[in-house]
Amino acid sequence: CKDDVISKFKAFTASEKKGVQTFFTTLGKQQMADMKHIVSELPCFESIEMSNQEASFVSCNDTMEGCSKEAVLVPVERTLMDTSSSEVQNLLVQLGVTVLPTTAILTRYVLPKIASYPQEDIEKVMKYVLLHLKKIEDEDSSTKIILGKTKFLESISGDFIAPEDALNPVDILLAEVFPNKVPVGEFACEKYLNALKSLG
């Protein structure tokens, strides 16, 4: 009975679950097609964990999305399967799991809640975003509005401001008259200016 198999499997150790996962990656397409209904329900796929805690194991019933560990820049409130291994990724694709790139994770799960992240995480995300802005906008045009309102630029006065409220840091006169509106630091450098201008 399928329920008995799943129940017994849940009692397996992490290494045993990984062993079963490895076995599934060796199956041919026809074998996988025959076993798909069972494989998809077994919690034998590691989830992405953003801390040092041990990874949990999930099934396709828990999530139908995955990504590599490198694709997740900051913690997300979403269960994602770990597709860092190409063998596991191929297996998950056969099971119908969608493999998400960094841009998709950002537009779906990070940017809509960006204001709730610690400042350090916001800066980490925004550095990536500004360097990949065109690609992110192509994926979801509504993110431009969110980004324009996100307070991540440190001003001369020490406050954090959003791109739509910022003035050009190259203009010395503006900097003297409106110190709370002119960004300083890393985001005020040439590398990011064009992207910031497009956000407001």
Protein backbone atom coordinates (compact mmCIF):
# COMPACT_ATOMS: atom_id res chain seq x y z
CA CYS A 1 0.00 0.00 0.00
CA LYS A 2 1.32 3.43 -0.97
CA ASP A 3 0.43 4.97 2.42
CA ASP A 4 2.46 2.30 4.23
CA VAL A 5 5.48 2.97 2.00
CA ILE A 6 5.27 6.71 2.68
CA SER A 7 4.82 6.16 6.42
CA LYS A 8 7.87 3.88 6.62
CA PHE A 9 9.91 6.23 4.48
CA LYS A 10 9.32 9.15 6.84
CA ALA A 11 11.15 7.19 9.56
CA PHE A 12 14.31 6.91 7.41
CA THR A 13 17.43 8.82 8.42
CA ALA A 14 18.62 11.75 6.30
CA SER A 15 21.37 9.64 4.71
CA GLU A 16 18.87 6.88 3.89
CA LYS A 17 16.55 9.40 2.24
CA LYS A 18 19.46 10.75 0.20
CA GLY A 19 20.28 7.18 -0.81
CA VAL A 20 16.75 6.65 -2.10
CA GLN A 21 16.91 9.98 -3.92
CA THR A 22 20.17 8.91 -5.56
CA PHE A 23 18.57 5.64 -6.62
CA PHE A 24 15.69 7.52 -8.26
CA THR A 25 18.14 9.68 -10.25
CA THR A 26 19.50 6.51 -11.89
CA LEU A 27 16.12 5.35 -13.22
CA GLY A 28 15.40 5.52 -16.92
CA LYS A 29 12.52 7.61 -18.26
CA GLN A 30 10.16 4.64 -18.61
CA GLN A 31 10.94 3.37 -15.11
CA MET A 32 10.39 6.86 -13.73
CA ALA A 33 7.09 7.19 -15.59
CA ASP A 34 5.93 3.91 -14.00
CA MET A 35 6.95 5.03 -10.48
CA LYS A 36 6.15 8.74 -10.78
CA HIS A 37 3.03 8.61 -8.58
CA ILE A 38 5.02 7.11 -5.67
CA VAL A 39 8.25 9.08 -6.15
CA SER A 40 6.40 12.39 -6.18
CA GLU A 41 4.80 11.65 -2.80
CA LEU A 42 7.94 10.49 -0.99
CA PRO A 43 9.65 13.23 1.07
CA CYS A 44 13.09 12.42 -0.33
CA PHE A 45 14.07 15.84 -1.69
CA GLU A 46 16.04 18.29 0.43
CA SER A 47 14.64 21.74 0.92
CA ILE A 48 16.67 24.93 0.81
CA GLU A 49 17.67 25.99 4.32
CA MET A 50 19.07 29.47 4.88
CA SER A 51 20.75 28.75 8.22
CA ASN A 52 23.07 26.09 9.60
CA GLN A 53 20.18 23.83 10.56
CA GLU A 54 19.87 20.43 8.96
CA ALA A 55 17.86 20.37 5.76
CA SER A 56 14.37 18.98 5.90
CA PHE A 57 13.02 16.57 3.31
CA VAL A 58 9.93 17.38 1.27
CA SER A 59 7.82 15.84 -1.46
CA CYS A 60 6.04 17.23 -4.50
CA ASN A 61 2.96 17.47 -2.26
CA ASP A 62 4.81 20.14 -0.25
CA THR A 63 6.06 22.23 -3.16
CA MET A 64 6.39 22.11 -6.92
CA GLU A 65 9.20 24.68 -7.05
CA GLY A 66 12.92 24.31 -6.62
CA CYS A 67 16.19 26.15 -7.16
CA SER A 68 19.90 25.92 -6.47
CA LYS A 69 21.19 27.18 -3.13
CA GLU A 70 23.09 29.94 -4.94
CA ALA A 71 19.84 31.27 -6.41
CA VAL A 72 18.46 32.25 -2.98
CA LEU A 73 20.14 35.47 -1.82
CA VAL A 74 18.14 35.93 1.39
CA PRO A 75 15.66 33.79 3.36
CA VAL A 76 12.23 33.37 1.78
CA GLU A 77 8.95 32.29 3.34
CA ARG A 78 8.51 29.53 0.82
CA THR A 79 9.46 25.86 0.71
CA LEU A 80 11.81 25.28 -2.21
CA MET A 81 13.46 22.01 -3.23
CA ASP A 82 17.23 22.02 -3.56
CA THR A 83 18.16 21.53 -7.23
CA SER A 84 21.88 22.25 -6.79
CA SER A 85 22.70 18.78 -8.15
CA SER A 86 22.06 18.44 -11.90
CA GLU A 87 20.93 14.81 -11.39
CA VAL A 88 18.35 15.84 -8.81
CA GLN A 89 17.26 18.76 -10.98
CA ASN A 90 16.67 16.43 -13.94
CA LEU A 91 14.64 14.09 -11.73
CA LEU A 92 12.52 16.93 -10.35
CA VAL A 93 11.86 18.29 -13.83
CA GLN A 94 10.55 14.83 -14.80
CA LEU A 95 8.20 15.07 -11.81
CA GLY A 96 6.92 18.45 -13.02
CA VAL A 97 8.81 20.66 -10.55
CA THR A 98 9.59 24.18 -11.81
CA VAL A 99 13.24 25.18 -11.35
CA LEU A 100 13.42 28.89 -10.51
CA PRO A 101 16.32 31.23 -11.34
CA THR A 102 17.35 33.99 -8.90
CA THR A 103 15.30 36.60 -10.76
CA ALA A 104 12.09 34.57 -10.35
CA ILE A 105 12.71 34.07 -6.62
CA LEU A 106 13.28 37.78 -6.20
CA THR A 107 10.21 38.89 -8.15
CA ARG A 108 7.89 36.30 -6.58
CA TYR A 109 9.03 36.01 -2.98
CA VAL A 110 11.56 38.67 -1.99
CA LEU A 111 10.76 42.02 -3.62
CA PRO A 112 7.07 42.12 -2.63
CA LYS A 113 8.22 41.84 1.03
CA ILE A 114 11.57 43.64 0.72
CA ALA A 115 10.67 46.31 3.30
CA SER A 116 10.37 43.62 6.01
CA TYR A 117 13.99 42.44 5.57
CA PRO A 118 16.94 43.64 7.69
CA GLN A 119 18.88 46.50 6.07
CA GLU A 120 21.87 44.22 5.41
CA ASP A 121 19.68 41.81 3.41
CA ILE A 122 18.01 44.68 1.54
CA GLU A 123 21.41 45.99 0.43
CA LYS A 124 22.53 42.52 -0.65
CA VAL A 125 19.37 42.07 -2.73
CA MET A 126 19.52 45.56 -4.22
CA LYS A 127 23.12 45.15 -5.38
CA TYR A 128 22.05 42.09 -7.34
CA VAL A 129 18.86 43.78 -8.57
CA LEU A 130 20.60 46.90 -9.89
CA LEU A 131 23.12 44.83 -11.82
CA HIS A 132 20.35 42.63 -13.33
CA LEU A 133 17.55 45.20 -13.55
CA LYS A 134 16.62 44.65 -17.21
CA LYS A 135 16.25 40.90 -16.74
CA ILE A 136 14.18 41.36 -13.57
CA GLU A 137 11.90 43.92 -15.24
CA ASP A 138 11.42 41.58 -18.21
CA GLU A 139 10.33 38.84 -15.80
CA ASP A 140 7.89 41.04 -13.90
CA SER A 141 7.35 44.66 -14.92
CA SER A 142 5.54 45.49 -11.66
CA THR A 143 8.78 45.12 -9.70
CA LYS A 144 9.96 48.52 -10.98
CA ILE A 145 7.31 50.21 -8.81
CA ILE A 146 8.36 48.19 -5.74
CA LEU A 147 12.03 48.93 -6.34
CA GLY A 148 11.41 52.65 -6.79
CA LYS A 149 9.78 52.78 -3.34
CA THR A 150 12.33 50.59 -1.49
CA LYS A 151 14.44 52.55 1.00
CA PHE A 152 17.95 51.21 0.57
CA LEU A 153 20.00 54.28 -0.40
CA GLU A 154 21.84 55.90 2.50
CA SER A 155 21.72 59.69 2.27
CA ILE A 156 24.29 62.25 3.36
CA SER A 157 22.18 62.85 6.49
CA GLY A 158 22.27 59.11 7.36
CA ASP A 159 18.63 58.35 6.55
CA PHE A 160 17.65 55.62 4.09
CA ILE A 161 15.76 56.84 1.04
CA ALA A 162 14.06 55.27 -1.97
CA PRO A 163 15.25 55.85 -5.57
CA GLU A 164 12.05 57.78 -6.37
CA ASP A 165 12.94 60.27 -3.59
CA ALA A 166 16.65 60.52 -4.37
CA LEU A 167 18.48 63.31 -6.20
CA ASN A 168 21.52 62.93 -8.44
CA PRO A 169 24.61 62.47 -6.20
CA VAL A 170 26.84 63.99 -8.92
CA ASP A 171 25.27 67.44 -8.41
CA ILE A 172 27.29 69.09 -5.61
CA LEU A 173 24.83 71.95 -5.19
CA LEU A 174 21.91 69.55 -4.63
CA ALA A 175 23.99 67.67 -2.09
CA GLU A 176 24.52 70.86 -0.08
CA VAL A 177 20.89 72.01 -0.25
CA PHE A 178 19.19 68.59 0.19
CA PRO A 179 21.54 66.33 2.21
CA ASN A 180 18.63 64.03 3.14
CA LYS A 181 17.80 63.43 -0.55
CA VAL A 182 21.25 62.68 -1.98
CA PRO A 183 22.59 59.11 -1.75
CA VAL A 184 26.17 58.41 -0.72
CA GLY A 185 28.30 55.29 -0.44
CA GLU A 186 28.39 52.28 -2.73
CA PHE A 187 25.04 52.86 -4.44
CA ALA A 188 26.04 56.42 -5.42
CA CYS A 189 28.84 55.17 -7.67
CA GLU A 190 28.79 55.09 -11.48
CA LYS A 191 28.13 51.34 -11.58
CA TYR A 192 24.60 51.75 -10.23
CA LEU A 193 23.59 55.26 -11.36
CA ASN A 194 21.87 54.38 -14.65
CA ALA A 195 19.77 51.70 -12.95
CA LEU A 196 18.85 54.10 -10.15
CA LYS A 197 17.81 56.76 -12.67
CA SER A 198 15.47 54.28 -14.35
CA LEU A 199 13.83 53.62 -10.95
CA GLY A 200 13.11 57.29 -10.32
